[in-house]
């Protein structure tokens, strides 16, 4: 069924569900994508700086010393060993 712009929507798994409109489902937030990209760039830069100038071990010690907080998982590995 074409919409007002002439775009034809194919079958979707959500069409068979009652009271579900695919147009109202969650769409990724572009600002969140920008924040994640900036955060990754910043962390990569900090890690490169710490590796070049030597205090990466001190950063790992602070990482290990983080206290539990509701909704925050206490690290089980050093920051330099985390892959995700």
N, C-alpha and C. Protein backbone atom coordinates (compact mmCIF):
# COMPACT_ATOMS: atom_id res chain seq x y z
N UNK A 1 0.83 -1.18 0.00
CA UNK A 1 0.00 0.00 0.00
C UNK A 1 0.87 1.25 0.00
N UNK A 2 0.87 2.05 -1.04
CA UNK A 2 1.68 3.25 -1.11
C UNK A 2 1.16 4.31 -0.14
N UNK A 3 2.08 5.09 0.44
CA UNK A 3 1.65 6.19 1.29
C UNK A 3 1.54 7.45 0.45
N UNK A 4 1.34 8.61 1.08
CA UNK A 4 1.12 9.86 0.35
C UNK A 4 2.35 10.29 -0.46
N UNK A 5 3.53 9.78 -0.14
CA UNK A 5 4.74 10.15 -0.89
C UNK A 5 5.02 9.16 -2.00
N UNK A 6 4.18 8.15 -2.19
CA UNK A 6 4.38 7.17 -3.23
C UNK A 6 5.31 6.04 -2.84
N UNK A 7 5.61 5.93 -1.53
CA UNK A 7 6.49 4.87 -1.06
C UNK A 7 5.65 3.65 -0.71
N UNK A 8 6.05 2.52 -1.21
CA UNK A 8 5.30 1.29 -0.92
C UNK A 8 5.98 0.58 0.26
N UNK A 9 5.21 0.33 1.30
CA UNK A 9 5.72 -0.36 2.47
C UNK A 9 5.51 -1.86 2.30
N UNK A 10 6.53 -2.64 2.51
CA UNK A 10 6.43 -4.08 2.40
C UNK A 10 5.83 -4.68 3.66
N UNK A 11 5.64 -6.00 3.64
CA UNK A 11 5.13 -6.69 4.82
C UNK A 11 6.14 -6.55 5.95
N UNK A 12 5.63 -6.35 7.12
CA UNK A 12 6.46 -6.18 8.30
C UNK A 12 5.90 -7.11 9.38
N UNK A 13 6.76 -7.60 10.22
CA UNK A 13 6.34 -8.50 11.29
C UNK A 13 5.34 -7.82 12.23
N UNK A 14 5.37 -6.50 12.32
CA UNK A 14 4.50 -5.78 13.25
C UNK A 14 3.08 -5.58 12.71
N UNK A 15 2.86 -5.76 11.40
CA UNK A 15 1.52 -5.56 10.84
C UNK A 15 0.51 -6.55 11.40
N UNK A 16 0.96 -7.73 11.80
CA UNK A 16 0.03 -8.74 12.31
C UNK A 16 -0.34 -8.55 13.77
N UNK A 17 0.29 -7.64 14.47
CA UNK A 17 0.01 -7.43 15.89
C UNK A 17 -1.12 -6.43 16.08
N UNK A 18 -1.98 -6.72 17.03
CA UNK A 18 -3.09 -5.80 17.33
C UNK A 18 -2.57 -4.52 17.97
N UNK A 19 -3.16 -3.42 17.62
CA UNK A 19 -2.88 -2.09 18.20
C UNK A 19 -1.41 -1.68 18.11
N UNK A 20 -0.71 -2.15 17.08
CA UNK A 20 0.69 -1.75 16.89
C UNK A 20 0.80 -1.09 15.53
N UNK A 21 1.32 0.11 15.53
CA UNK A 21 1.55 0.82 14.28
C UNK A 21 3.05 0.96 14.07
N UNK A 22 3.59 0.41 12.99
CA UNK A 22 5.05 0.50 12.76
C UNK A 22 5.55 1.94 12.74
N UNK A 23 4.71 2.88 12.35
CA UNK A 23 5.18 4.27 12.30
C UNK A 23 5.36 4.87 13.69
N UNK A 24 4.78 4.25 14.72
CA UNK A 24 4.91 4.76 16.09
C UNK A 24 5.95 4.00 16.93
N UNK A 25 6.64 3.06 16.33
CA UNK A 25 7.65 2.31 17.06
C UNK A 25 8.89 3.17 17.27
N UNK A 26 9.74 2.74 18.17
CA UNK A 26 10.96 3.48 18.50
C UNK A 26 11.85 3.63 17.28
N UNK A 27 12.32 4.84 17.09
CA UNK A 27 13.29 5.13 16.04
C UNK A 27 14.57 5.61 16.72
N UNK A 28 15.73 5.21 16.23
CA UNK A 28 16.97 5.66 16.86
C UNK A 28 17.06 7.19 16.88
N UNK A 29 17.51 7.71 17.98
CA UNK A 29 17.66 9.14 18.15
C UNK A 29 19.01 9.57 17.57
N UNK A 30 19.01 10.50 16.64
CA UNK A 30 20.25 10.94 16.01
C UNK A 30 21.18 11.61 17.01
N UNK A 31 20.62 12.35 17.98
CA UNK A 31 21.46 13.01 18.97
C UNK A 31 22.18 11.98 19.83
N UNK A 32 21.51 10.87 20.16
CA UNK A 32 22.15 9.82 20.93
C UNK A 32 23.32 9.23 20.14
N UNK A 33 23.14 9.07 18.83
CA UNK A 33 24.21 8.55 17.98
C UNK A 33 25.40 9.49 17.99
N UNK A 34 25.14 10.80 17.95
CA UNK A 34 26.22 11.79 18.01
C UNK A 34 26.92 11.70 19.36
N UNK A 35 26.14 11.62 20.46
CA UNK A 35 26.75 11.51 21.79
C UNK A 35 27.64 10.27 21.89
N UNK A 36 27.15 9.13 21.39
CA UNK A 36 27.94 7.91 21.46
C UNK A 36 29.22 8.04 20.66
N UNK A 37 29.15 8.67 19.49
CA UNK A 37 30.34 8.88 18.67
C UNK A 37 31.34 9.79 19.36
N UNK A 38 30.84 10.87 19.97
CA UNK A 38 31.73 11.79 20.70
C UNK A 38 32.36 11.09 21.90
N UNK A 39 31.55 10.31 22.62
CA UNK A 39 32.05 9.60 23.79
C UNK A 39 33.15 8.60 23.39
N UNK A 40 32.92 7.86 22.31
CA UNK A 40 33.91 6.89 21.84
C UNK A 40 35.19 7.61 21.43
N UNK A 41 35.06 8.73 20.72
CA UNK A 41 36.24 9.49 20.31
C UNK A 41 37.02 9.99 21.53
N UNK A 42 36.30 10.50 22.52
CA UNK A 42 36.94 11.01 23.73
C UNK A 42 37.66 9.89 24.49
N UNK A 43 37.00 8.75 24.65
CA UNK A 43 37.61 7.63 25.37
C UNK A 43 38.84 7.12 24.61
N UNK A 44 38.75 7.02 23.27
CA UNK A 44 39.90 6.59 22.47
C UNK A 44 41.07 7.56 22.63
N UNK A 45 40.76 8.87 22.64
CA UNK A 45 41.81 9.87 22.79
C UNK A 45 42.45 9.77 24.18
N UNK A 46 41.62 9.65 25.22
CA UNK A 46 42.14 9.54 26.60
C UNK A 46 43.00 8.29 26.74
N UNK A 47 42.52 7.17 26.20
CA UNK A 47 43.29 5.92 26.31
C UNK A 47 44.62 6.04 25.56
N UNK A 48 44.63 6.64 24.39
CA UNK A 48 45.87 6.86 23.66
C UNK A 48 46.83 7.75 24.43
N UNK A 49 46.30 8.82 25.04
CA UNK A 49 47.11 9.73 25.83
C UNK A 49 47.72 9.01 27.03
N UNK A 50 46.87 8.23 27.74
CA UNK A 50 47.37 7.51 28.92
C UNK A 50 48.40 6.45 28.53
N UNK A 51 48.20 5.77 27.42
CA UNK A 51 49.18 4.77 26.97
C UNK A 51 50.50 5.43 26.58
N UNK A 52 50.44 6.61 25.97
CA UNK A 52 51.67 7.29 25.53
C UNK A 52 52.46 7.87 26.70
N UNK A 53 51.75 8.41 27.68
CA UNK A 53 52.43 9.09 28.79
C UNK A 53 52.55 8.26 30.06
N UNK A 54 52.05 7.03 30.06
CA UNK A 54 52.36 6.10 31.13
C UNK A 54 51.39 5.89 32.28
N UNK A 55 50.45 6.78 32.58
CA UNK A 55 49.64 6.53 33.78
C UNK A 55 48.41 5.63 33.54
N UNK A 56 48.46 4.78 32.53
CA UNK A 56 47.32 3.90 32.27
C UNK A 56 47.07 2.97 33.46
N UNK A 57 48.12 2.57 34.15
CA UNK A 57 47.97 1.71 35.32
C UNK A 57 47.20 2.43 36.43
N UNK A 58 47.46 3.72 36.61
CA UNK A 58 46.75 4.50 37.63
C UNK A 58 45.26 4.61 37.26
N UNK A 59 44.98 4.79 35.96
CA UNK A 59 43.58 4.84 35.52
C UNK A 59 42.89 3.51 35.77
N UNK A 60 43.59 2.40 35.52
CA UNK A 60 43.02 1.08 35.79
C UNK A 60 42.73 0.90 37.28
N UNK A 61 43.59 1.42 38.14
CA UNK A 61 43.36 1.32 39.59
C UNK A 61 42.11 2.10 40.00
N UNK A 62 41.93 3.29 39.43
CA UNK A 62 40.74 4.09 39.74
C UNK A 62 39.50 3.38 39.20
N UNK A 63 39.62 2.79 38.02
CA UNK A 63 38.51 2.03 37.42
C UNK A 63 38.08 0.89 38.34
N UNK A 64 39.07 0.17 38.88
CA UNK A 64 38.78 -0.95 39.79
C UNK A 64 38.15 -0.46 41.09
N UNK A 65 38.44 0.77 41.50
CA UNK A 65 37.98 1.28 42.79
C UNK A 65 36.58 1.90 42.74
N UNK A 66 35.92 1.88 41.57
CA UNK A 66 34.58 2.45 41.48
C UNK A 66 33.63 1.71 42.42
N UNK A 67 32.84 2.47 43.13
CA UNK A 67 31.92 1.91 44.11
C UNK A 67 30.60 1.51 43.45
N UNK A 68 29.90 0.53 44.03
CA UNK A 68 28.59 0.16 43.48
C UNK A 68 27.60 1.31 43.60
N UNK A 69 26.73 1.39 42.61
CA UNK A 69 25.70 2.42 42.57
C UNK A 69 24.48 1.80 41.90
N UNK A 70 23.27 2.16 42.29
CA UNK A 70 22.09 1.56 41.66
C UNK A 70 22.11 1.75 40.13
N UNK A 71 22.00 0.65 39.41
CA UNK A 71 22.01 0.69 37.95
C UNK A 71 23.40 0.68 37.35
N UNK A 72 24.44 0.61 38.17
CA UNK A 72 25.82 0.60 37.69
C UNK A 72 26.47 -0.71 38.08
N UNK A 73 27.00 -1.41 37.11
CA UNK A 73 27.69 -2.66 37.39
C UNK A 73 29.15 -2.37 37.73
N UNK A 74 29.60 -2.90 38.84
CA UNK A 74 30.98 -2.70 39.26
C UNK A 74 31.90 -3.44 38.28
N UNK A 75 32.95 -2.78 37.79
CA UNK A 75 33.84 -3.43 36.83
C UNK A 75 34.49 -4.69 37.40
N UNK A 76 34.62 -5.70 36.56
CA UNK A 76 35.28 -6.94 36.98
C UNK A 76 36.63 -7.10 36.30
N UNK A 77 36.95 -6.21 35.36
CA UNK A 77 38.24 -6.24 34.66
C UNK A 77 38.82 -4.84 34.65
N UNK A 78 40.11 -4.77 34.44
CA UNK A 78 40.76 -3.47 34.28
C UNK A 78 40.21 -2.81 33.01
N UNK A 79 40.20 -1.48 33.00
CA UNK A 79 39.65 -0.77 31.85
C UNK A 79 40.38 -1.13 30.57
N UNK A 80 41.67 -1.29 30.65
CA UNK A 80 42.45 -1.61 29.45
C UNK A 80 42.15 -2.99 28.89
N UNK A 81 41.50 -3.84 29.69
CA UNK A 81 41.14 -5.20 29.25
C UNK A 81 39.70 -5.30 28.74
N UNK A 82 38.92 -4.23 28.91
CA UNK A 82 37.52 -4.23 28.45
C UNK A 82 37.50 -4.07 26.94
N UNK A 83 36.70 -4.93 26.27
CA UNK A 83 36.67 -4.88 24.81
C UNK A 83 35.43 -4.20 24.26
N UNK A 84 34.41 -4.00 25.05
CA UNK A 84 33.20 -3.32 24.58
C UNK A 84 33.00 -2.01 25.30
